[in-house]
Protein backbone atom coordinates (compact mmCIF):
# COMPACT_ATOMS: atom_id res chain seq x y z
CA MET A 1 125.68 75.03 154.25
CA ALA A 2 127.12 71.82 152.79
CA LEU A 3 128.98 72.15 149.49
CA PHE A 4 126.83 69.40 147.96
CA HIS A 5 123.67 71.35 148.83
CA ILE A 6 125.09 74.54 147.31
CA ILE A 7 126.00 72.71 144.09
CA ILE A 8 122.56 71.07 143.80
CA VAL A 9 120.70 74.37 144.29
CA SER A 10 123.05 76.19 141.90
CA LEU A 11 122.71 73.57 139.18
CA ILE A 12 118.92 73.52 139.46
CA GLN A 13 118.70 77.30 139.21
CA GLY A 14 121.33 77.61 136.52
CA ILE A 15 119.92 74.90 134.28
CA THR A 16 116.21 75.65 134.73
CA GLU A 17 116.21 79.47 134.81
CA PHE A 18 116.36 79.83 131.03
CA LEU A 19 114.75 76.55 130.01
CA PRO A 20 110.93 76.73 129.83
CA ILE A 21 110.44 74.39 132.80
CA SER A 22 110.23 76.78 135.81
CA SER A 23 113.28 77.25 138.02
CA SER A 24 111.14 78.50 140.91
CA ALA A 25 109.08 75.30 140.94
CA HIS A 26 112.19 73.13 141.14
CA LEU A 27 113.75 75.23 143.92
CA ILE A 28 110.50 75.36 145.91
CA LEU A 29 110.04 71.61 145.63
CA LEU A 30 113.67 70.68 146.39
CA PRO A 31 113.24 70.60 150.20
CA ASN A 32 109.95 68.68 149.90
CA LEU A 33 111.32 66.06 147.53
CA THR A 34 114.78 65.53 149.04
CA GLY A 35 114.45 66.40 152.71
CA LEU A 36 117.19 69.01 152.38
CA ALA A 37 116.75 72.19 154.36
CA ASP A 38 115.49 75.26 152.53
CA GLN A 39 118.47 77.05 151.02
CA GLY A 40 117.40 80.43 152.42
CA PRO A 41 117.04 83.88 150.87
CA LEU A 42 120.76 84.63 150.52
CA ILE A 43 121.46 81.54 148.41
CA ASP A 44 118.30 82.26 146.42
CA ALA A 45 119.66 85.73 145.71
CA ALA A 46 123.12 84.38 144.88
CA VAL A 47 121.93 81.86 142.30
CA HIS A 48 119.86 84.58 140.64
CA VAL A 49 122.96 86.79 140.46
CA GLY A 50 124.82 83.90 138.85
CA THR A 51 122.17 83.42 136.18
CA LEU A 52 122.08 87.19 135.59
CA ILE A 53 125.81 87.23 134.92
CA ALA A 54 125.45 84.27 132.57
CA VAL A 55 122.73 85.82 130.40
CA VAL A 56 124.48 89.20 130.24
CA VAL A 57 127.72 87.56 129.12
CA PHE A 58 125.98 85.19 126.68
CA PHE A 59 124.08 88.06 125.06
CA LYS A 60 126.85 90.59 125.59
CA THR A 61 126.21 92.40 122.29
CA GLU A 62 122.53 92.99 123.03
CA SER A 63 123.32 93.81 126.67
CA LEU A 64 125.75 96.52 125.61
CA LEU A 65 123.20 97.90 123.13
CA ALA A 66 120.58 98.08 125.89
CA LEU A 67 123.07 99.80 128.21
CA ARG A 68 123.82 102.38 125.52
CA GLY A 69 120.09 102.73 125.03
CA LEU A 70 119.66 103.65 128.69
CA ARG A 71 122.27 106.35 128.17
CA ASP A 72 120.42 107.60 125.10
CA LEU A 73 117.13 107.66 126.99
CA GLY A 74 118.79 109.67 129.74
CA ARG A 75 119.87 112.18 127.09
CA GLY A 76 116.38 112.35 125.61
CA GLN A 77 117.36 110.49 122.45
CA LEU A 78 114.35 108.28 121.75
CA THR A 79 114.84 107.38 118.09
CA THR A 80 118.01 105.27 118.15
CA GLY A 81 117.91 101.48 117.87
CA GLU A 82 119.64 101.21 121.22
CA SER A 83 117.10 103.45 122.99
CA HIS A 84 114.25 101.45 121.41
CA LEU A 85 115.69 98.21 122.83
CA ALA A 86 116.18 99.72 126.28
CA LEU A 87 112.67 101.20 126.31
CA ALA A 88 111.15 97.90 125.16
CA LEU A 89 112.88 96.06 128.02
CA ILE A 90 111.69 98.66 130.53
CA ILE A 91 108.10 98.44 129.29
CA ALA A 92 108.22 94.62 129.34
CA THR A 93 109.37 94.66 132.97
CA ILE A 94 106.74 97.01 134.41
CA PRO A 95 103.78 94.56 134.67
CA ALA A 96 105.82 91.97 136.59
CA VAL A 97 107.17 94.62 138.98
CA ILE A 98 103.70 95.98 139.73
CA LEU A 99 102.09 92.56 140.17
CA GLY A 100 105.08 91.32 142.17
CA LEU A 101 104.74 94.16 144.67
CA ILE A 102 101.01 93.52 145.00
CA LEU A 103 101.53 89.80 145.64
CA LYS A 104 104.32 90.47 148.14
CA LEU A 105 102.38 93.10 150.09
CA THR A 106 99.24 90.94 150.26
CA GLY A 107 101.14 87.78 151.18
CA ALA A 108 99.75 85.94 148.16
CA SER A 109 103.23 85.09 146.86
CA ASP A 110 104.09 83.12 150.02
CA ALA A 111 100.72 81.35 149.95
CA MET A 112 101.21 80.22 146.35
CA ARG A 113 104.78 79.13 147.05
CA ASP A 114 103.57 76.45 149.47
CA HIS A 115 100.83 75.08 147.17
CA VAL A 116 102.27 72.00 145.45
CA GLY A 117 99.01 71.30 143.63
CA LEU A 118 99.04 74.78 142.09
CA ILE A 119 102.62 74.29 140.91
CA GLY A 120 101.61 71.02 139.28
CA ILE A 121 98.63 72.60 137.55
CA THR A 122 100.66 75.52 136.17
CA MET A 123 103.51 73.23 135.09
CA LEU A 124 101.09 71.03 133.14
CA GLY A 125 98.66 73.70 131.93
CA PHE A 126 101.15 76.27 130.69
CA GLY A 127 103.19 73.45 129.16
CA ILE A 128 100.22 72.62 126.95
CA VAL A 129 99.79 76.31 126.10
CA LEU A 130 103.47 76.45 125.07
CA TRP A 131 102.97 73.41 122.82
CA PHE A 132 99.94 75.01 121.16
CA ALA A 133 101.74 78.32 120.60
CA ASP A 134 104.85 76.61 119.25
CA THR A 135 103.19 74.11 116.91
CA LYS A 136 100.14 76.02 115.68
CA HIS A 137 101.56 79.46 114.93
CA PRO A 138 103.75 80.33 111.93
CA GLU A 139 107.20 81.91 112.28
CA THR A 140 106.75 85.29 110.63
CA ARG A 141 108.73 87.70 112.82
CA HIS A 142 112.32 88.11 113.99
CA SER A 143 113.65 89.70 117.16
CA ASN A 144 114.89 92.82 115.32
CA SER A 145 111.25 93.76 114.61
CA TRP A 146 110.21 93.88 118.28
CA THR A 147 107.79 96.78 118.81
CA LEU A 148 106.89 98.62 122.01
CA LYS A 149 103.33 97.31 121.79
CA GLN A 150 104.68 93.76 121.60
CA ALA A 151 106.94 94.55 124.56
CA MET A 152 103.90 95.49 126.66
CA ILE A 153 102.04 92.36 125.57
CA LEU A 154 105.01 90.17 126.48
CA GLY A 155 105.33 92.04 129.76
CA LEU A 156 101.78 90.98 130.64
CA TRP A 157 102.68 87.39 129.74
CA GLN A 158 105.78 87.66 131.91
CA ALA A 159 103.72 88.80 134.91
CA LEU A 160 102.02 85.38 134.87
CA ALA A 161 105.38 83.86 135.80
CA LEU A 162 104.86 85.14 139.34
CA ILE A 163 102.59 82.11 139.75
CA PRO A 164 104.97 79.30 140.79
CA GLY A 165 105.39 76.62 138.16
CA THR A 166 104.57 78.90 135.24
CA SER A 167 108.21 79.50 134.14
CA ARG A 168 109.29 83.02 133.25
CA SER A 169 111.14 81.90 130.14
CA GLY A 170 108.39 79.46 129.19
CA ILE A 171 105.56 81.97 129.39
CA THR A 172 107.43 84.74 127.55
CA ILE A 173 108.48 82.31 124.82
CA THR A 174 104.84 81.23 124.61
CA GLY A 175 103.72 84.84 124.22
CA ALA A 176 106.38 85.54 121.61
CA ARG A 177 105.39 82.47 119.59
CA PHE A 178 101.73 83.57 119.71
CA LEU A 179 102.92 86.89 118.25
CA GLY A 180 104.58 85.00 115.37
CA PHE A 181 108.25 85.25 116.37
CA ASP A 182 110.38 82.35 115.22
CA ARG A 183 111.67 79.98 117.92
CA GLU A 184 115.18 81.40 118.14
CA SER A 185 113.89 84.99 118.22
CA ALA A 186 111.28 84.11 120.85
CA ALA A 187 113.98 82.60 123.06
CA ARG A 188 116.32 85.55 122.47
CA ILE A 189 113.63 88.09 123.41
CA SER A 190 112.73 86.02 126.48
CA MET A 191 116.36 85.92 127.61
CA LEU A 192 116.81 89.67 127.16
CA MET A 193 113.60 90.29 129.11
CA SER A 194 115.05 88.22 131.94
CA ILE A 195 117.89 90.70 132.55
CA PRO A 196 115.92 93.58 134.13
CA THR A 197 113.50 91.12 135.76
CA ILE A 198 116.22 89.08 137.46
CA LEU A 199 118.04 92.30 138.36
CA ALA A 200 114.94 93.69 140.07
CA ALA A 201 114.08 90.45 141.87
CA GLY A 202 117.69 89.77 142.83
CA THR A 203 118.14 93.25 144.26
CA LEU A 204 115.09 92.81 146.51
CA GLN A 205 116.34 89.39 147.64
CA ILE A 206 119.80 90.75 148.43
CA LEU A 207 118.40 93.68 150.42
CA ASP A 208 116.29 91.24 152.46
CA ALA A 209 119.11 88.75 153.02
CA LEU A 210 122.22 90.88 153.62
CA PRO A 211 121.32 92.12 157.13
CA HIS A 212 121.36 88.50 158.31
CA ALA A 213 124.50 87.43 156.43
CA THR A 214 127.70 86.16 158.04
CA ALA A 215 131.18 85.54 156.66
CA GLN A 216 130.29 81.86 156.24
CA THR A 217 127.00 82.47 154.44
CA LEU A 218 128.64 85.07 152.18
CA GLY A 219 131.25 82.49 151.22
CA ASP A 220 128.48 80.00 150.45
CA ALA A 221 126.74 82.66 148.37
CA ALA A 222 129.90 83.33 146.34
CA LEU A 223 130.14 79.63 145.46
CA ALA A 224 126.45 79.62 144.51
CA VAL A 225 127.03 82.57 142.16
CA LEU A 226 129.90 80.74 140.46
CA PHE A 227 128.19 77.37 140.05
CA SER A 228 124.84 78.80 138.90
CA CYS A 229 126.58 81.10 136.41
CA LEU A 230 128.47 78.22 134.80
CA ALA A 231 125.38 76.01 134.69
CA ALA A 232 123.20 78.77 133.22
CA PHE A 233 125.77 79.66 130.56
CA LEU A 234 126.00 76.02 129.43
CA ALA A 235 122.21 75.60 129.46
CA LEU A 236 121.75 78.77 127.42
CA GLY A 237 124.27 77.65 124.83
CA LEU A 238 122.68 74.23 124.52
CA MET A 239 119.13 75.54 124.18
CA MET A 240 119.97 78.22 121.61
CA ARG A 241 121.87 75.64 119.57
CA LEU A 242 119.11 73.04 119.74
CA LEU A 243 116.45 75.56 118.68
CA LYS A 244 117.98 75.61 115.22
CA SER A 245 116.68 72.07 114.69
CA VAL A 246 114.40 71.10 117.61
CA SER A 247 111.04 72.49 118.75
CA PHE A 248 109.96 73.15 122.36
CA THR A 249 108.07 69.83 122.46
CA PRO A 250 110.67 68.00 124.64
CA TYR A 251 110.25 70.67 127.31
CA VAL A 252 106.47 70.39 127.02
CA ILE A 253 106.61 66.62 127.55
CA TYR A 254 108.79 67.12 130.64
CA ARG A 255 106.37 69.72 132.02
CA ILE A 256 103.33 67.51 131.49
CA ILE A 257 104.94 64.50 133.17
CA PHE A 258 106.33 66.55 136.07
CA GLY A 259 103.10 68.53 136.49
CA ALA A 260 100.92 65.42 136.45
CA GLY A 261 103.15 63.83 139.06
CA LEU A 262 102.89 66.86 141.33
CA ILE A 263 99.10 66.96 140.98
CA TRP A 264 98.90 63.27 141.88
CA TRP A 265 101.24 63.81 144.85
CA ALA A 266 99.29 66.84 146.12
CA TYR A 267 95.80 65.40 145.85
CA SER A 268 96.23 61.64 146.27
């Protein structure tokens, strides 16, 4: 795989994974829009590993708390703050795992992946929903008040991200804003929710891709991990900084323009 192709795929995944603009839509559309060959499952897995490393390092304090919480849960300690965080993340992941297995076993995930019009509709439609949630709902909650009930609700929102073009970060931020979390807290919760989700999806991708890997493709994958990790870390830092003074409206505008263009392309 050409180095230029690896860099392009890695940058797209790294930059768009945590911004509310759908990384999957951009990666799916890359071959259609540029004529480049599909990057394949191993590179897909590698760029997800890179973004996973980035979010764990960026939110290292919360990641360590969640890891300690898993230990507490294993010991039957359910009342610590760490165990509450770990349990909330587990609960928030369950709906996406269940729906993901159903879509994979039925073949619906592959069918949706090839539907450019659907990607355009979800990009535009859920962009408008994000705008409504962000501009019409007050900021009354912070991430340290995240309840298990809210974790389940956000898990159901996150399951919608299995529809290409929805955006995992975008839809969970939307759900969190509907629940009254302030912008920074909504983004922080969304990023923490991404850790077990990316871990689960990445593990499945790696198991599918490794039997067909060669020394060359493994080298390409290592570069993809590095580039996507750096891009994701920078994108995370920029977004979290901007949220102190800027709303999600710029991302909404981008989604509407991009989505409208895809709808026109698919149905014209």
